[in-house]
Amino acid sequence: MSQKETAAPKPTKASGKTLKPSKPSKPSTVDCDKDHTVTAKDDKNVQGVLVVKSCHASRFARKPSRCNHVGDKLGALLKSRLDKAGIKGQYPVNIVKTAGDKTQTEFHYTIPCDKSQHQTVIQSLKDSCKEKDFIDTVTAENQPDEDDSSSESDEETQRKTTTVGYTKKPPATKRTVQVKNCDDDDNVRSEDDQTITGKIVVQDCPCEKRFKNNATRLAALSATLDKQLRAYYQKLYNTNINYK
């Protein structure tokens, strides 16, 4: 009798789950002329707000080291420019707050700086923002971790998946706002020989927090007012002005 052959054991299916690698985020972008504002905070500091597109805000909020790396890179580029201009010293970029959503991140930062150097530092910051090394650093820090639930691949899956029992939120209610007392002369007055100040009161507009937490809203409002003022002078006096 022939000896029975023993069947080879069938391979068993692995029970453990393999983590799916996160999909890389696309490169971040920034319009340094439009979305980067730098102003004097006081005689010893300047402050800035930088809005970066294609940049996931929650990743920076959860992991402060990402902010540190972005601030360090901007600070290094700033120092290089100031050294070339003959200005020595330390000008660290301290990112004090981030805000935004899945599409953009606002970086709020401060820099210690004497009043005599404000203009040079402000201009050097705006130039440093445009350097490729800086935006490359932001792009690198914006990449998801392996276990990052906010990766773009997960976001795409969530958009394609319908969850049972999900209740769709009603669309936001649009409000028709009205500016109050536009003809009141007390709202616009001369501050000194070089400056006038004004106040605009908007009714039915519960939006103080929205403008306070989003510098781009204020910038857009200011730009619209500038445009209307220039158009008014051009039409009435046939004169071009550049007041801001």
C-alpha atoms as a PDB file:
ATOM      1  CA  MET A   1       0.000   0.000   0.000  1.00  0.00           C
ATOM      2  CA  SER A   2       1.220   3.482  -0.833  1.00  0.00           C
ATOM      3  CA  GLN A   3       1.701   5.946   1.926  1.00  0.00           C
ATOM      4  CA  LYS A   4      -0.920   8.719   1.970  1.00  0.00           C
ATOM      5  CA  GLU A   5       0.361  12.137   1.071  1.00  0.00           C
ATOM      6  CA  THR A   6      -0.085  14.811   3.661  1.00  0.00           C
ATOM      7  CA  ALA A   7      -1.760  17.957   2.285  1.00  0.00           C
ATOM      8  CA  ALA A   8       0.191  21.148   2.724  1.00  0.00           C
ATOM      9  CA  PRO A   9      -1.386  23.447   5.297  1.00  0.00           C
ATOM     10  CA  LYS A  10      -3.366  26.337   3.828  1.00  0.00           C
ATOM     11  CA  PRO A  11      -2.062  29.788   4.643  1.00  0.00           C
ATOM     12  CA  THR A  12      -4.118  31.524   7.283  1.00  0.00           C
ATOM     13  CA  LYS A  13      -5.435  35.029   6.770  1.00  0.00           C
ATOM     14  CA  ALA A  14      -3.723  37.606   8.938  1.00  0.00           C
ATOM     15  CA  SER A  15      -6.043  38.901  11.600  1.00  0.00           C
ATOM     16  CA  GLY A  16      -4.227  42.154  12.267  1.00  0.00           C
ATOM     17  CA  LYS A  17      -5.158  45.299  10.360  1.00  0.00           C
ATOM     18  CA  THR A  18      -2.543  47.245   8.450  1.00  0.00           C
ATOM     19  CA  LEU A  19      -2.714  51.009   8.750  1.00  0.00           C
ATOM     20  CA  LYS A  20      -3.403  52.613   5.413  1.00  0.00           C
ATOM     21  CA  PRO A  21      -0.781  55.274   4.730  1.00  0.00           C
ATOM     22  CA  SER A  22      -2.211  58.780   4.711  1.00  0.00           C
ATOM     23  CA  LYS A  23      -2.468  60.526   1.383  1.00  0.00           C
ATOM     24  CA  PRO A  24       0.033  63.411   1.145  1.00  0.00           C
ATOM     25  CA  SER A  25      -1.478  66.874   1.261  1.00  0.00           C
ATOM     26  CA  LYS A  26      -1.089  69.086  -1.773  1.00  0.00           C
ATOM     27  CA  PRO A  27       1.376  72.005  -1.572  1.00  0.00           C
ATOM     28  CA  SER A  28       0.331  74.965   0.544  1.00  0.00           C
ATOM     29  CA  THR A  29       0.125  78.414  -1.033  1.00  0.00           C
ATOM     30  CA  VAL A  30       0.147  81.978   0.259  1.00  0.00           C
ATOM     31  CA  ASP A  31      -0.454  85.351  -1.377  1.00  0.00           C
ATOM     32  CA  CYS A  32       2.045  87.393   0.636  1.00  0.00           C
ATOM     33  CA  ASP A  33       0.810  90.709  -0.784  1.00  0.00           C
ATOM     34  CA  LYS A  34      -2.852  90.040  -0.010  1.00  0.00           C
ATOM     35  CA  ASP A  35      -2.943  87.594   2.901  1.00  0.00           C
ATOM     36  CA  HIS A  36       0.009  88.708   5.039  1.00  0.00           C
ATOM     37  CA  THR A  37      -0.496  91.747   7.269  1.00  0.00           C
ATOM     38  CA  VAL A  38       2.240  93.083   9.568  1.00  0.00           C
ATOM     39  CA  THR A  39       1.764  96.067  11.889  1.00  0.00           C
ATOM     40  CA  ALA A  40       3.376  97.665  14.924  1.00  0.00           C
ATOM     41  CA  LYS A  41       1.859  96.256  18.112  1.00  0.00           C
ATOM     42  CA  ASP A  42       3.616  98.737  20.412  1.00  0.00           C
ATOM     43  CA  ASP A  43       7.025 100.421  20.726  1.00  0.00           C
ATOM     44  CA  LYS A  44       8.704  97.080  21.470  1.00  0.00           C
ATOM     45  CA  ASN A  45       6.872  94.592  19.230  1.00  0.00           C
ATOM     46  CA  VAL A  46       5.413  94.004  15.788  1.00  0.00           C
ATOM     47  CA  GLN A  47       2.591  91.577  15.071  1.00  0.00           C
ATOM     48  CA  GLY A  48       1.444  89.750  11.972  1.00  0.00           C
ATOM     49  CA  VAL A  49      -1.288  87.538  10.556  1.00  0.00           C
ATOM     50  CA  LEU A  50      -0.457  85.145   7.727  1.00  0.00           C
ATOM     51  CA  VAL A  51      -3.222  83.226   5.918  1.00  0.00           C
ATOM     52  CA  VAL A  52      -2.007  80.057   4.166  1.00  0.00           C
ATOM     53  CA  LYS A  53      -4.253  78.202   1.717  1.00  0.00           C
ATOM     54  CA  SER A  54      -4.333  74.385   1.377  1.00  0.00           C
ATOM     55  CA  CYS A  55      -3.284  74.162   5.008  1.00  0.00           C
ATOM     56  CA  HIS A  56      -5.176  72.131   7.641  1.00  0.00           C
ATOM     57  CA  ALA A  57      -5.577  74.287  10.775  1.00  0.00           C
ATOM     58  CA  SER A  58      -6.358  71.466  13.221  1.00  0.00           C
ATOM     59  CA  ARG A  59      -3.013  69.762  12.523  1.00  0.00           C
ATOM     60  CA  PHE A  60      -1.171  72.826  13.810  1.00  0.00           C
ATOM     61  CA  ALA A  61      -3.551  73.253  16.753  1.00  0.00           C
ATOM     62  CA  ARG A  62      -3.015  69.639  17.868  1.00  0.00           C
ATOM     63  CA  LYS A  63       0.756  69.674  17.410  1.00  0.00           C
ATOM     64  CA  PRO A  64       2.458  72.941  18.500  1.00  0.00           C
ATOM     65  CA  SER A  65       5.836  71.735  17.201  1.00  0.00           C
ATOM     66  CA  ARG A  66       4.519  72.300  13.666  1.00  0.00           C
ATOM     67  CA  CYS A  67       3.974  75.982  14.534  1.00  0.00           C
ATOM     68  CA  ASN A  68       7.439  76.175  16.079  1.00  0.00           C
ATOM     69  CA  HIS A  69       9.058  74.913  12.870  1.00  0.00           C
ATOM     70  CA  VAL A  70       7.111  77.405  10.734  1.00  0.00           C
ATOM     71  CA  GLY A  71       8.016  80.267  13.082  1.00  0.00           C
ATOM     72  CA  ASP A  72      11.680  79.203  13.203  1.00  0.00           C
ATOM     73  CA  LYS A  73      11.919  79.146   9.402  1.00  0.00           C
ATOM     74  CA  LEU A  74      10.327  82.593   9.018  1.00  0.00           C
ATOM     75  CA  GLY A  75      12.597  83.897  11.791  1.00  0.00           C
ATOM     76  CA  ALA A  76      15.717  82.471  10.110  1.00  0.00           C
ATOM     77  CA  LEU A  77      14.825  84.060   6.764  1.00  0.00           C
ATOM     78  CA  LEU A  78      14.097  87.355   8.524  1.00  0.00           C
ATOM     79  CA  LYS A  79      17.437  87.310  10.374  1.00  0.00           C
ATOM     80  CA  SER A  80      19.310  86.625   7.136  1.00  0.00           C
ATOM     81  CA  ARG A  81      17.773  89.689   5.500  1.00  0.00           C
ATOM     82  CA  LEU A  82      18.375  91.907   8.529  1.00  0.00           C
ATOM     83  CA  ASP A  83      22.014  90.775   8.753  1.00  0.00           C
ATOM     84  CA  LYS A  84      22.525  91.799   5.122  1.00  0.00           C
ATOM     85  CA  ALA A  85      20.993  95.186   5.964  1.00  0.00           C
ATOM     86  CA  GLY A  86      23.483  95.612   8.811  1.00  0.00           C
ATOM     87  CA  ILE A  87      20.887  95.142  11.569  1.00  0.00           C
ATOM     88  CA  LYS A  88      22.127  92.759  14.238  1.00  0.00           C
ATOM     89  CA  GLY A  89      20.140  91.155  17.020  1.00  0.00           C
ATOM     90  CA  GLN A  90      17.603  88.440  17.697  1.00  0.00           C
ATOM     91  CA  TYR A  91      14.139  88.682  16.155  1.00  0.00           C
ATOM     92  CA  PRO A  92      12.347  85.395  16.961  1.00  0.00           C
ATOM     93  CA  VAL A  93       8.952  84.781  15.370  1.00  0.00           C
ATOM     94  CA  ASN A  94       6.554  83.608  18.088  1.00  0.00           C
ATOM     95  CA  ILE A  95       3.348  82.068  16.718  1.00  0.00           C
ATOM     96  CA  VAL A  96       0.835  82.822  19.467  1.00  0.00           C
ATOM     97  CA  LYS A  97      -2.374  81.539  17.862  1.00  0.00           C
ATOM     98  CA  THR A  98      -3.710  79.624  14.882  1.00  0.00           C
ATOM     99  CA  ALA A  99      -7.211  79.624  13.438  1.00  0.00           C
ATOM    100  CA  GLY A 100      -8.940  78.339  10.338  1.00  0.00           C
ATOM    101  CA  ASP A 101     -10.418  75.143   8.948  1.00  0.00           C
ATOM    102  CA  LYS A 102      -9.539  72.257   6.610  1.00  0.00           C
ATOM    103  CA  THR A 103      -8.777  74.616   3.716  1.00  0.00           C
ATOM    104  CA  GLN A 104      -6.654  77.362   5.296  1.00  0.00           C
ATOM    105  CA  THR A 105      -4.735  78.312   8.432  1.00  0.00           C
ATOM    106  CA  GLU A 106      -4.221  81.739   9.977  1.00  0.00           C
ATOM    107  CA  PHE A 107      -0.900  82.115  11.792  1.00  0.00           C
ATOM    108  CA  HIS A 108      -0.912  84.953  14.342  1.00  0.00           C
ATOM    109  CA  TYR A 109       2.593  85.907  15.489  1.00  0.00           C
ATOM    110  CA  THR A 110       4.585  88.540  17.357  1.00  0.00           C
ATOM    111  CA  ILE A 111       8.241  89.614  17.151  1.00  0.00           C
ATOM    112  CA  PRO A 112      10.160  91.689  19.726  1.00  0.00           C
ATOM    113  CA  CYS A 113      11.470  94.744  17.914  1.00  0.00           C
ATOM    114  CA  ASP A 114      12.376  98.323  18.885  1.00  0.00           C
ATOM    115  CA  LYS A 115      10.336 101.093  17.312  1.00  0.00           C
ATOM    116  CA  SER A 116      13.358 102.394  15.373  1.00  0.00           C
ATOM    117  CA  GLN A 117      13.536  99.089  13.444  1.00  0.00           C
ATOM    118  CA  HIS A 118       9.810  98.569  12.840  1.00  0.00           C
ATOM    119  CA  GLN A 119       9.673  99.553   9.173  1.00  0.00           C
ATOM    120  CA  THR A 120      12.772  97.567   8.201  1.00  0.00           C
ATOM    121  CA  VAL A 121      11.560  94.458  10.034  1.00  0.00           C
ATOM    122  CA  ILE A 122       8.051  94.735   8.567  1.00  0.00           C
ATOM    123  CA  GLN A 123       9.368  94.986   5.006  1.00  0.00           C
ATOM    124  CA  SER A 124      11.847  92.150   5.573  1.00  0.00           C
ATOM    125  CA  LEU A 125       9.034  89.946   6.905  1.00  0.00           C
ATOM    126  CA  LYS A 126       6.938  90.564   3.798  1.00  0.00           C
ATOM    127  CA  ASP A 127       9.904  89.681   1.585  1.00  0.00           C
ATOM    128  CA  SER A 128      10.764  86.572   3.634  1.00  0.00           C
ATOM    129  CA  CYS A 129       7.198  85.310   3.241  1.00  0.00           C
ATOM    130  CA  LYS A 130       7.725  85.096  -0.534  1.00  0.00           C
ATOM    131  CA  GLU A 131      10.786  82.842  -0.342  1.00  0.00           C
ATOM    132  CA  LYS A 132      10.337  79.264  -1.555  1.00  0.00           C
ATOM    133  CA  ASP A 133      12.049  77.821   1.533  1.00  0.00           C
ATOM    134  CA  PHE A 134       9.306  79.250   3.717  1.00  0.00           C
ATOM    135  CA  ILE A 135       6.278  77.877   1.866  1.00  0.00           C
ATOM    136  CA  ASP A 136       8.096  74.546   1.431  1.00  0.00           C
ATOM    137  CA  THR A 137       8.430  74.391   5.223  1.00  0.00           C
ATOM    138  CA  VAL A 138       4.710  75.082   5.685  1.00  0.00           C
ATOM    139  CA  THR A 139       3.869  72.363   3.146  1.00  0.00           C
ATOM    140  CA  ALA A 140       6.110  69.869   4.959  1.00  0.00           C
ATOM    141  CA  GLU A 141       4.592  70.667   8.363  1.00  0.00           C
ATOM    142  CA  ASN A 142       1.075  70.375   6.921  1.00  0.00           C
ATOM    143  CA  GLN A 143       1.555  66.719   5.951  1.00  0.00           C
ATOM    144  CA  PRO A 144      -0.664  64.309   7.941  1.00  0.00           C
ATOM    145  CA  ASP A 145       0.772  61.838  10.435  1.00  0.00           C
ATOM    146  CA  GLU A 146       0.298  58.115   9.758  1.00  0.00           C
ATOM    147  CA  ASP A 147      -2.593  57.970  12.214  1.00  0.00           C
ATOM    148  CA  ASP A 148      -3.920  61.414  11.321  1.00  0.00           C
ATOM    149  CA  SER A 149      -7.690  61.181  10.955  1.00  0.00           C
ATOM    150  CA  SER A 150      -7.698  64.535   9.175  1.00  0.00           C
ATOM    151  CA  SER A 151      -5.826  63.269   6.096  1.00  0.00           C
ATOM    152  CA  GLU A 152      -7.228  64.287   2.739  1.00  0.00           C
ATOM    153  CA  SER A 153      -7.991  60.668   1.801  1.00  0.00           C
ATOM    154  CA  ASP A 154     -10.190  60.330   4.889  1.00  0.00           C
ATOM    155  CA  GLU A 155     -11.895  63.615   4.090  1.00  0.00           C
ATOM    156  CA  GLU A 156     -12.680  62.406   0.573  1.00  0.00           C
ATOM    157  CA  THR A 157     -14.097  59.150   1.983  1.00  0.00           C
ATOM    158  CA  GLN A 158     -16.265  61.041   4.430  1.00  0.00           C
ATOM    159  CA  ARG A 159     -17.645  63.221   1.656  1.00  0.00           C
ATOM    160  CA  LYS A 160     -18.562  60.135  -0.407  1.00  0.00           C
ATOM    161  CA  THR A 161     -20.094  58.143   2.476  1.00  0.00           C
ATOM    162  CA  THR A 162     -23.671  58.686   3.629  1.00  0.00           C
ATOM    163  CA  THR A 163     -24.065  58.048   7.343  1.00  0.00           C
ATOM    164  CA  VAL A 164     -27.317  56.465   8.522  1.00  0.00           C
ATOM    165  CA  GLY A 165     -29.250  58.807  10.764  1.00  0.00           C
ATOM    166  CA  TYR A 166     -27.293  61.863   9.656  1.00  0.00           C
ATOM    167  CA  THR A 167     -29.302  65.065   9.886  1.00  0.00           C
ATOM    168  CA  LYS A 168     -28.368  67.712   7.380  1.00  0.00           C
ATOM    169  CA  LYS A 169     -27.884  71.125   8.911  1.00  0.00           C
ATOM    170  CA  PRO A 170     -30.152  73.857   7.566  1.00  0.00           C
ATOM    171  CA  PRO A 171     -28.393  76.482   5.439  1.00  0.00           C
ATOM    172  CA  ALA A 172     -27.166  79.553   7.259  1.00  0.00           C
ATOM    173  CA  THR A 173     -29.635  82.414   7.323  1.00  0.00           C
ATOM    174  CA  LYS A 174     -28.527  85.421   5.314  1.00  0.00           C
ATOM    175  CA  ARG A 175     -29.039  88.753   7.015  1.00  0.00           C
ATOM    176  CA  THR A 176     -29.621  92.065   5.311  1.00  0.00           C
ATOM    177  CA  VAL A 177     -27.532  94.533   7.279  1.00  0.00           C
ATOM    178  CA  GLN A 178     -27.863  98.296   7.333  1.00  0.00           C
ATOM    179  CA  VAL A 179     -25.265 100.941   8.101  1.00  0.00           C
ATOM    180  CA  LYS A 180     -26.512 103.371  10.751  1.00  0.00           C
ATOM    181  CA  ASN A 181     -26.129 107.180  10.675  1.00  0.00           C
ATOM    182  CA  CYS A 182     -24.036 107.459   7.501  1.00  0.00           C
ATOM    183  CA  ASP A 183     -24.755 111.212   7.432  1.00  0.00           C
ATOM    184  CA  ASP A 184     -23.690 111.802  11.037  1.00  0.00           C
ATOM    185  CA  ASP A 185     -20.660 114.127  10.890  1.00  0.00           C
ATOM    186  CA  ASP A 186     -19.596 113.052  14.379  1.00  0.00           C
ATOM    187  CA  ASN A 187     -18.632 109.608  13.045  1.00  0.00           C
ATOM    188  CA  VAL A 188     -15.769 111.000  10.910  1.00  0.00           C
ATOM    189  CA  ARG A 189     -13.395 113.604  12.282  1.00  0.00           C
ATOM    190  CA  SER A 190      -9.866 114.929  11.935  1.00  0.00           C
ATOM    191  CA  GLU A 191      -7.427 113.236  14.302  1.00  0.00           C
ATOM    192  CA  ASP A 192      -4.420 115.413  13.415  1.00  0.00           C
ATOM    193  CA  ASP A 193      -2.863 117.131  10.374  1.00  0.00           C
ATOM    194  CA  GLN A 194      -2.157 113.785   8.702  1.00  0.00           C
ATOM    195  CA  THR A 195      -4.993 111.503   9.811  1.00  0.00           C
ATOM    196  CA  ILE A 196      -8.772 111.298   9.991  1.00  0.00           C
ATOM    197  CA  THR A 197     -10.650 108.666  11.978  1.00  0.00           C
ATOM    198  CA  GLY A 198     -14.083 107.205  11.442  1.00  0.00           C
ATOM    199  CA  LYS A 199     -16.637 104.842  12.911  1.00  0.00           C
ATOM    200  CA  ILE A 200     -19.126 102.670  11.019  1.00  0.00           C
ATOM    201  CA  VAL A 201     -22.078 101.223  12.933  1.00  0.00           C
ATOM    202  CA  VAL A 202     -23.811  98.260  11.260  1.00  0.00           C
ATOM    203  CA  GLN A 203     -27.271  97.222  12.416  1.00  0.00           C
ATOM    204  CA  ASP A 204     -28.583  93.646  12.520  1.00  0.00           C
ATOM    205  CA  CYS A 205     -25.026  92.345  12.239  1.00  0.00           C
ATOM    206  CA  PRO A 206     -23.994  90.063  15.141  1.00  0.00           C
ATOM    207  CA  CYS A 207     -20.569  89.787  13.588  1.00  0.00           C
ATOM    208  CA  GLU A 208     -18.062  91.401  15.961  1.00  0.00           C
ATOM    209  CA  LYS A 209     -16.498  88.025  16.789  1.00  0.00           C
ATOM    210  CA  ARG A 210     -16.355  87.008  13.116  1.00  0.00           C
ATOM    211  CA  PHE A 211     -14.361  90.096  12.188  1.00  0.00           C
ATOM    212  CA  LYS A 212     -12.254  90.026  15.354  1.00  0.00           C
ATOM    213  CA  ASN A 213     -11.094  86.449  14.720  1.00  0.00           C
ATOM    214  CA  ASN A 214     -10.582  86.773  10.963  1.00  0.00           C
ATOM    215  CA  ALA A 215      -8.238  89.499   9.777  1.00  0.00           C
ATOM    216  CA  THR A 216      -9.060  88.800   6.124  1.00  0.00           C
ATOM    217  CA  ARG A 217     -12.665  89.955   6.695  1.00  0.00           C
ATOM    218  CA  LEU A 218     -11.427  93.337   7.930  1.00  0.00           C
ATOM    219  CA  ALA A 219      -8.943  93.563   5.068  1.00  0.00           C
ATOM    220  CA  ALA A 220     -11.706  92.883   2.520  1.00  0.00           C
ATOM    221  CA  LEU A 221     -13.962  95.498   4.128  1.00  0.00           C
ATOM    222  CA  SER A 222     -11.157  98.084   4.124  1.00  0.00           C
ATOM    223  CA  ALA A 223     -10.316  97.338   0.490  1.00  0.00           C
ATOM    224  CA  THR A 224     -13.951  97.853  -0.542  1.00  0.00           C
ATOM    225  CA  LEU A 225     -14.153 101.168   1.314  1.00  0.00           C
ATOM    226  CA  ASP A 226     -10.861 102.293  -0.287  1.00  0.00           C
ATOM    227  CA  LYS A 227     -12.185 101.428  -3.738  1.00  0.00           C
ATOM    228  CA  GLN A 228     -15.429 103.338  -3.226  1.00  0.00           C
ATOM    229  CA  LEU A 229     -13.587 106.381  -1.874  1.00  0.00           C
ATOM    230  CA  ARG A 230     -11.250 106.471  -4.889  1.00  0.00           C
ATOM    231  CA  ALA A 231     -14.191 106.076  -7.289  1.00  0.00           C
ATOM    232  CA  TYR A 232     -16.052 108.906  -5.534  1.00  0.00           C
ATOM    233  CA  TYR A 233     -13.109 111.309  -5.839  1.00  0.00           C
ATOM    234  CA  GLN A 234     -12.535 110.336  -9.462  1.00  0.00           C
ATOM    235  CA  LYS A 235     -16.173 110.931 -10.376  1.00  0.00           C
ATOM    236  CA  LEU A 236     -16.709 114.119  -8.363  1.00  0.00           C
ATOM    237  CA  TYR A 237     -13.331 115.846  -8.697  1.00  0.00           C
ATOM    238  CA  ASN A 238     -11.654 113.902 -11.523  1.00  0.00           C
ATOM    239  CA  THR A 239      -8.793 113.299  -9.090  1.00  0.00           C
ATOM    240  CA  ASN A 240      -6.883 110.120  -8.311  1.00  0.00           C
ATOM    241  CA  ILE A 241      -6.178 109.523  -4.617  1.00  0.00           C
ATOM    242  CA  ASN A 242      -4.444 106.781  -2.678  1.00  0.00           C
ATOM    243  CA  TYR A 243      -5.779 107.009   0.863  1.00  0.00           C
ATOM    244  CA  LYS A 244      -5.904 103.920   3.083  1.00  0.00           C
END
